[in-house]
Structure formats: structure tokens, C-alpha cells
Amino acid sequence: MNIALIAHDKKKNDLVQFVTAYQNIFAKHTLYATGTTGKRISEATGLPITRFQSGPLGGDQEIGAMIAKNQMDAVFFFRDPLTAQPHEPDVTALVRLCDVYSIPLATNMGTAELLIRGMELGMLDWRNVIKENGEVNEG
């Protein structure tokens, strides 16, 4: 599966710790991340990660493009709801695309825990069927 990893500045440590804790599961998948987040996770875990621009420079939109092309299977986006983000429209667009294309999205540690456990149990295998059939939900 293709998995996106994104975190706002105040949540980067949380995401690094999360991926480190579940490194054995993430290692079985293809990982993508926005700039600094990807660098920090890769340095902490040694996992290979395709890095895009940082979020404010278009990284969120690059991941959104993959979602729109049915090339992303899950998104872990640890958001900071208490700090205004200069690229909030990009964040909103990414969340919207996850909803439009039925891509599982974890925006906090609690949901991330459920999503990673579900992945471990094969509960997202339906994504493989969709990709094999070339299906793209047109909303």
C-alpha cells in the first residue's frame, strides 16, 4: 500500500514516535511524506520514504494529486488544531480529497492507532481490489 505521512510542526515528534513504534508495519508499505516530516521519520527509522515539498510549499497538494489518481491508500496527517496554518486551504483540500476518494485518514494519535491496527489485520485490502480494477470514485 502507498501511505502518506504528514505532520504540522508541533505534531512532528508525535508522528516520528508513532512510525517508530509501528516501524515493522510501515516497513511493509511504500511511504511518502512531506519534506521535513519525511526527513525526520527516515532519520529516526531508516525507512525509505519518497519526500515531497514541505506542506506550505505544495507537498500537501502533491499528495492530494496522488489521491486523485487513486495512487494513495492511506494518509496519516497529524494536524495541530490549535495553531493557525498559513496553508490551511491546502490542508482543507487534502482532507476533502480523502473524503471524495474514500481514503482512510488519521488526523490524530487515536485514529492512527486504529488505522495501523486495521492495516495490520488486512482490513484495508479492499484498496487492492479498487486499484486492480482501476476504479476511481468520481464523487
C-alpha atoms as a PDB file:
ATOM      1  CA  MET A   1       0.000   0.000   0.000  1.00  0.00           C
ATOM      2  CA  ASN A   2       1.031   3.606  -0.573  1.00  0.00           C
ATOM      3  CA  ILE A   3       0.917   5.577   2.672  1.00  0.00           C
ATOM      4  CA  ALA A   4       1.297   9.341   3.160  1.00  0.00           C
ATOM      5  CA  LEU A   5       2.861  10.746   6.329  1.00  0.00           C
ATOM      6  CA  ILE A   6       2.292  14.420   7.133  1.00  0.00           C
ATOM      7  CA  ALA A   7       2.547  16.404  10.358  1.00  0.00           C
ATOM      8  CA  HIS A   8       2.272  20.012  11.376  1.00  0.00           C
ATOM      9  CA  ASP A   9       5.331  21.370  13.192  1.00  0.00           C
ATOM     10  CA  LYS A  10       4.019  20.800  16.725  1.00  0.00           C
ATOM     11  CA  LYS A  11       2.968  17.238  15.827  1.00  0.00           C
ATOM     12  CA  LYS A  12       6.114  16.052  14.046  1.00  0.00           C
ATOM     13  CA  ASN A  13       7.582  14.430  17.173  1.00  0.00           C
ATOM     14  CA  ASP A  14       4.323  12.538  17.719  1.00  0.00           C
ATOM     15  CA  LEU A  15       4.331  11.172  14.175  1.00  0.00           C
ATOM     16  CA  VAL A  16       8.009  10.207  14.354  1.00  0.00           C
ATOM     17  CA  GLN A  17       7.319   8.315  17.586  1.00  0.00           C
ATOM     18  CA  PHE A  18       4.244   6.670  16.071  1.00  0.00           C
ATOM     19  CA  VAL A  19       6.043   5.461  12.956  1.00  0.00           C
ATOM     20  CA  THR A  20       8.958   4.276  15.091  1.00  0.00           C
ATOM     21  CA  ALA A  21       6.582   2.283  17.290  1.00  0.00           C
ATOM     22  CA  TYR A  22       4.971   0.636  14.249  1.00  0.00           C
ATOM     23  CA  GLN A  23       8.062   0.508  12.074  1.00  0.00           C
ATOM     24  CA  ASN A  24       7.575  -3.215  11.393  1.00  0.00           C
ATOM     25  CA  ILE A  25       4.173  -2.499   9.814  1.00  0.00           C
ATOM     26  CA  PHE A  26       5.209   0.618   7.904  1.00  0.00           C
ATOM     27  CA  ALA A  27       8.234  -1.253   6.508  1.00  0.00           C
ATOM     28  CA  LYS A  28       5.854  -3.464   4.501  1.00  0.00           C
ATOM     29  CA  HIS A  29       4.467  -0.481   2.583  1.00  0.00           C
ATOM     30  CA  THR A  30       5.611   2.321   0.291  1.00  0.00           C
ATOM     31  CA  LEU A  31       5.910   5.556   2.228  1.00  0.00           C
ATOM     32  CA  TYR A  32       5.521   9.135   1.057  1.00  0.00           C
ATOM     33  CA  ALA A  33       5.856  12.253   3.171  1.00  0.00           C
ATOM     34  CA  THR A  34       6.076  15.994   3.060  1.00  0.00           C
ATOM     35  CA  GLY A  35       9.594  17.474   3.350  1.00  0.00           C
ATOM     36  CA  THR A  36      10.780  17.831   6.918  1.00  0.00           C
ATOM     37  CA  THR A  37       8.390  15.202   8.248  1.00  0.00           C
ATOM     38  CA  GLY A  38       9.766  12.628   5.825  1.00  0.00           C
ATOM     39  CA  LYS A  39      13.349  13.539   6.639  1.00  0.00           C
ATOM     40  CA  ARG A  40      12.797  13.207  10.383  1.00  0.00           C
ATOM     41  CA  ILE A  41      10.971   9.872  10.077  1.00  0.00           C
ATOM     42  CA  SER A  42      13.621   8.480   7.744  1.00  0.00           C
ATOM     43  CA  GLU A  43      16.432   9.557  10.067  1.00  0.00           C
ATOM     44  CA  ALA A  44      14.695   8.035  13.094  1.00  0.00           C
ATOM     45  CA  THR A  45      13.696   4.739  11.480  1.00  0.00           C
ATOM     46  CA  GLY A  46      15.890   4.177   8.440  1.00  0.00           C
ATOM     47  CA  LEU A  47      12.746   3.508   6.401  1.00  0.00           C
ATOM     48  CA  PRO A  48      12.834   4.551   2.731  1.00  0.00           C
ATOM     49  CA  ILE A  49      10.484   7.475   2.153  1.00  0.00           C
ATOM     50  CA  THR A  50       9.703   9.398  -1.004  1.00  0.00           C
ATOM     51  CA  ARG A  51       9.727  13.025   0.060  1.00  0.00           C
ATOM     52  CA  PHE A  52       7.714  15.835  -1.474  1.00  0.00           C
ATOM     53  CA  GLN A  53       7.942  19.560  -0.816  1.00  0.00           C
ATOM     54  CA  SER A  54       7.052  20.774   2.658  1.00  0.00           C
ATOM     55  CA  GLY A  55       3.326  21.319   3.169  1.00  0.00           C
ATOM     56  CA  PRO A  56       3.329  25.124   2.781  1.00  0.00           C
ATOM     57  CA  LEU A  57       5.390  24.785  -0.423  1.00  0.00           C
ATOM     58  CA  GLY A  58       2.988  22.361  -2.106  1.00  0.00           C
ATOM     59  CA  GLY A  59       3.686  18.973  -0.510  1.00  0.00           C
ATOM     60  CA  ASP A  60       0.075  18.603   0.619  1.00  0.00           C
ATOM     61  CA  GLN A  61      -1.025  19.232  -2.953  1.00  0.00           C
ATOM     62  CA  GLU A  62       1.445  16.674  -4.330  1.00  0.00           C
ATOM     63  CA  ILE A  63      -0.050  14.043  -2.043  1.00  0.00           C
ATOM     64  CA  GLY A  64      -3.534  15.245  -2.995  1.00  0.00           C
ATOM     65  CA  ALA A  65      -2.690  14.663  -6.659  1.00  0.00           C
ATOM     66  CA  MET A  66      -1.764  11.065  -5.865  1.00  0.00           C
ATOM     67  CA  ILE A  67      -5.075  10.625  -4.055  1.00  0.00           C
ATOM     68  CA  ALA A  68      -6.978  11.993  -7.060  1.00  0.00           C
ATOM     69  CA  LYS A  69      -5.157   9.489  -9.310  1.00  0.00           C
ATOM     70  CA  ASN A  70      -6.017   6.567  -6.998  1.00  0.00           C
ATOM     71  CA  GLN A  71      -2.333   6.178  -6.082  1.00  0.00           C
ATOM     72  CA  MET A  72      -2.579   6.670  -2.302  1.00  0.00           C
ATOM     73  CA  ASP A  73      -4.160   4.137   0.054  1.00  0.00           C
ATOM     74  CA  ALA A  74      -3.990   5.778   3.481  1.00  0.00           C
ATOM     75  CA  VAL A  75      -2.975   9.108   4.993  1.00  0.00           C
ATOM     76  CA  PHE A  76      -1.563   9.745   8.450  1.00  0.00           C
ATOM     77  CA  PHE A  77      -1.794  13.513   8.889  1.00  0.00           C
ATOM     78  CA  PHE A  78      -1.109  14.597  12.443  1.00  0.00           C
ATOM     79  CA  ARG A  79      -2.706  18.030  12.490  1.00  0.00           C
ATOM     80  CA  ASP A  80      -2.282  20.790  15.046  1.00  0.00           C
ATOM     81  CA  PRO A  81      -5.816  22.109  15.601  1.00  0.00           C
ATOM     82  CA  LEU A  82      -4.661  24.844  17.989  1.00  0.00           C
ATOM     83  CA  THR A  83      -2.263  26.675  15.674  1.00  0.00           C
ATOM     84  CA  ALA A  84      -3.311  28.636  12.585  1.00  0.00           C
ATOM     85  CA  GLN A  85      -1.646  27.223   9.466  1.00  0.00           C
ATOM     86  CA  PRO A  86      -0.633  29.563   6.622  1.00  0.00           C
ATOM     87  CA  HIS A  87      -1.541  26.871   4.094  1.00  0.00           C
ATOM     88  CA  GLU A  88      -4.925  25.975   5.625  1.00  0.00           C
ATOM     89  CA  PRO A  89      -6.680  25.931   2.213  1.00  0.00           C
ATOM     90  CA  ASP A  90      -4.245  23.199   1.106  1.00  0.00           C
ATOM     91  CA  VAL A  91      -4.917  21.239   4.289  1.00  0.00           C
ATOM     92  CA  THR A  92      -8.663  21.527   3.759  1.00  0.00           C
ATOM     93  CA  ALA A  93      -8.297  20.427   0.139  1.00  0.00           C
ATOM     94  CA  LEU A  94      -6.301  17.352   1.160  1.00  0.00           C
ATOM     95  CA  VAL A  95      -8.881  16.335   3.762  1.00  0.00           C
ATOM     96  CA  ARG A  96     -11.633  16.885   1.195  1.00  0.00           C
ATOM     97  CA  LEU A  97      -9.863  14.658  -1.355  1.00  0.00           C
ATOM     98  CA  CYS A  98      -9.580  11.877   1.229  1.00  0.00           C
ATOM     99  CA  ASP A  99     -13.333  12.124   1.737  1.00  0.00           C
ATOM    100  CA  VAL A 100     -14.122  12.262  -2.001  1.00  0.00           C
ATOM    101  CA  TYR A 101     -11.981   9.214  -2.804  1.00  0.00           C
ATOM    102  CA  SER A 102     -12.687   7.269   0.415  1.00  0.00           C
ATOM    103  CA  ILE A 103      -9.057   7.264   1.519  1.00  0.00           C
ATOM    104  CA  PRO A 104      -8.629   6.418   5.212  1.00  0.00           C
ATOM    105  CA  LEU A 105      -7.286   9.492   7.025  1.00  0.00           C
ATOM    106  CA  ALA A 106      -5.921   9.608  10.571  1.00  0.00           C
ATOM    107  CA  THR A 107      -5.505  13.135  11.908  1.00  0.00           C
ATOM    108  CA  ASN A 108      -4.592  12.244  15.487  1.00  0.00           C
ATOM    109  CA  MET A 109      -2.886   9.518  17.511  1.00  0.00           C
ATOM    110  CA  GLY A 110      -6.137   7.764  18.473  1.00  0.00           C
ATOM    111  CA  THR A 111      -7.361   7.348  14.912  1.00  0.00           C
ATOM    112  CA  ALA A 112      -3.864   6.492  13.724  1.00  0.00           C
ATOM    113  CA  GLU A 113      -3.731   3.630  16.213  1.00  0.00           C
ATOM    114  CA  LEU A 114      -6.981   2.209  14.838  1.00  0.00           C
ATOM    115  CA  LEU A 115      -5.890   2.656  11.227  1.00  0.00           C
ATOM    116  CA  ILE A 116      -2.490   0.991  11.657  1.00  0.00           C
ATOM    117  CA  ARG A 117      -4.042  -1.931  13.556  1.00  0.00           C
ATOM    118  CA  GLY A 118      -6.645  -2.274  10.805  1.00  0.00           C
ATOM    119  CA  MET A 119      -3.890  -2.331   8.205  1.00  0.00           C
ATOM    120  CA  GLU A 120      -2.061  -4.988  10.186  1.00  0.00           C
ATOM    121  CA  LEU A 121      -5.208  -7.143  10.208  1.00  0.00           C
ATOM    122  CA  GLY A 122      -5.796  -6.713   6.453  1.00  0.00           C
ATOM    123  CA  MET A 123      -8.861  -4.512   6.852  1.00  0.00           C
ATOM    124  CA  LEU A 124      -7.709  -2.220   4.053  1.00  0.00           C
ATOM    125  CA  ASP A 125      -7.228  -4.968   1.485  1.00  0.00           C
ATOM    126  CA  TRP A 126     -10.274  -3.579  -0.359  1.00  0.00           C
ATOM    127  CA  ARG A 127      -7.908  -0.859  -1.639  1.00  0.00           C
ATOM    128  CA  ASN A 128      -6.069  -3.523  -3.674  1.00  0.00           C
ATOM    129  CA  VAL A 129      -9.298  -4.538  -5.405  1.00  0.00           C
ATOM    130  CA  ILE A 130     -10.083  -0.925  -6.279  1.00  0.00           C
ATOM    131  CA  LYS A 131      -6.594  -0.383  -7.700  1.00  0.00           C
ATOM    132  CA  GLU A 132      -6.681  -3.628  -9.705  1.00  0.00           C
ATOM    133  CA  ASN A 133     -10.000  -2.650 -11.240  1.00  0.00           C
ATOM    134  CA  GLY A 134      -8.818   0.887 -11.952  1.00  0.00           C
ATOM    135  CA  GLU A 135     -11.811   2.286 -10.114  1.00  0.00           C
ATOM    136  CA  VAL A 136     -11.794   5.917  -9.170  1.00  0.00           C
ATOM    137  CA  ASN A 137     -14.695   7.315  -7.211  1.00  0.00           C
ATOM    138  CA  GLU A 138     -15.928  10.376  -9.058  1.00  0.00           C
ATOM    139  CA  GLY A 139     -17.743  11.662  -6.007  1.00  0.00           C
END
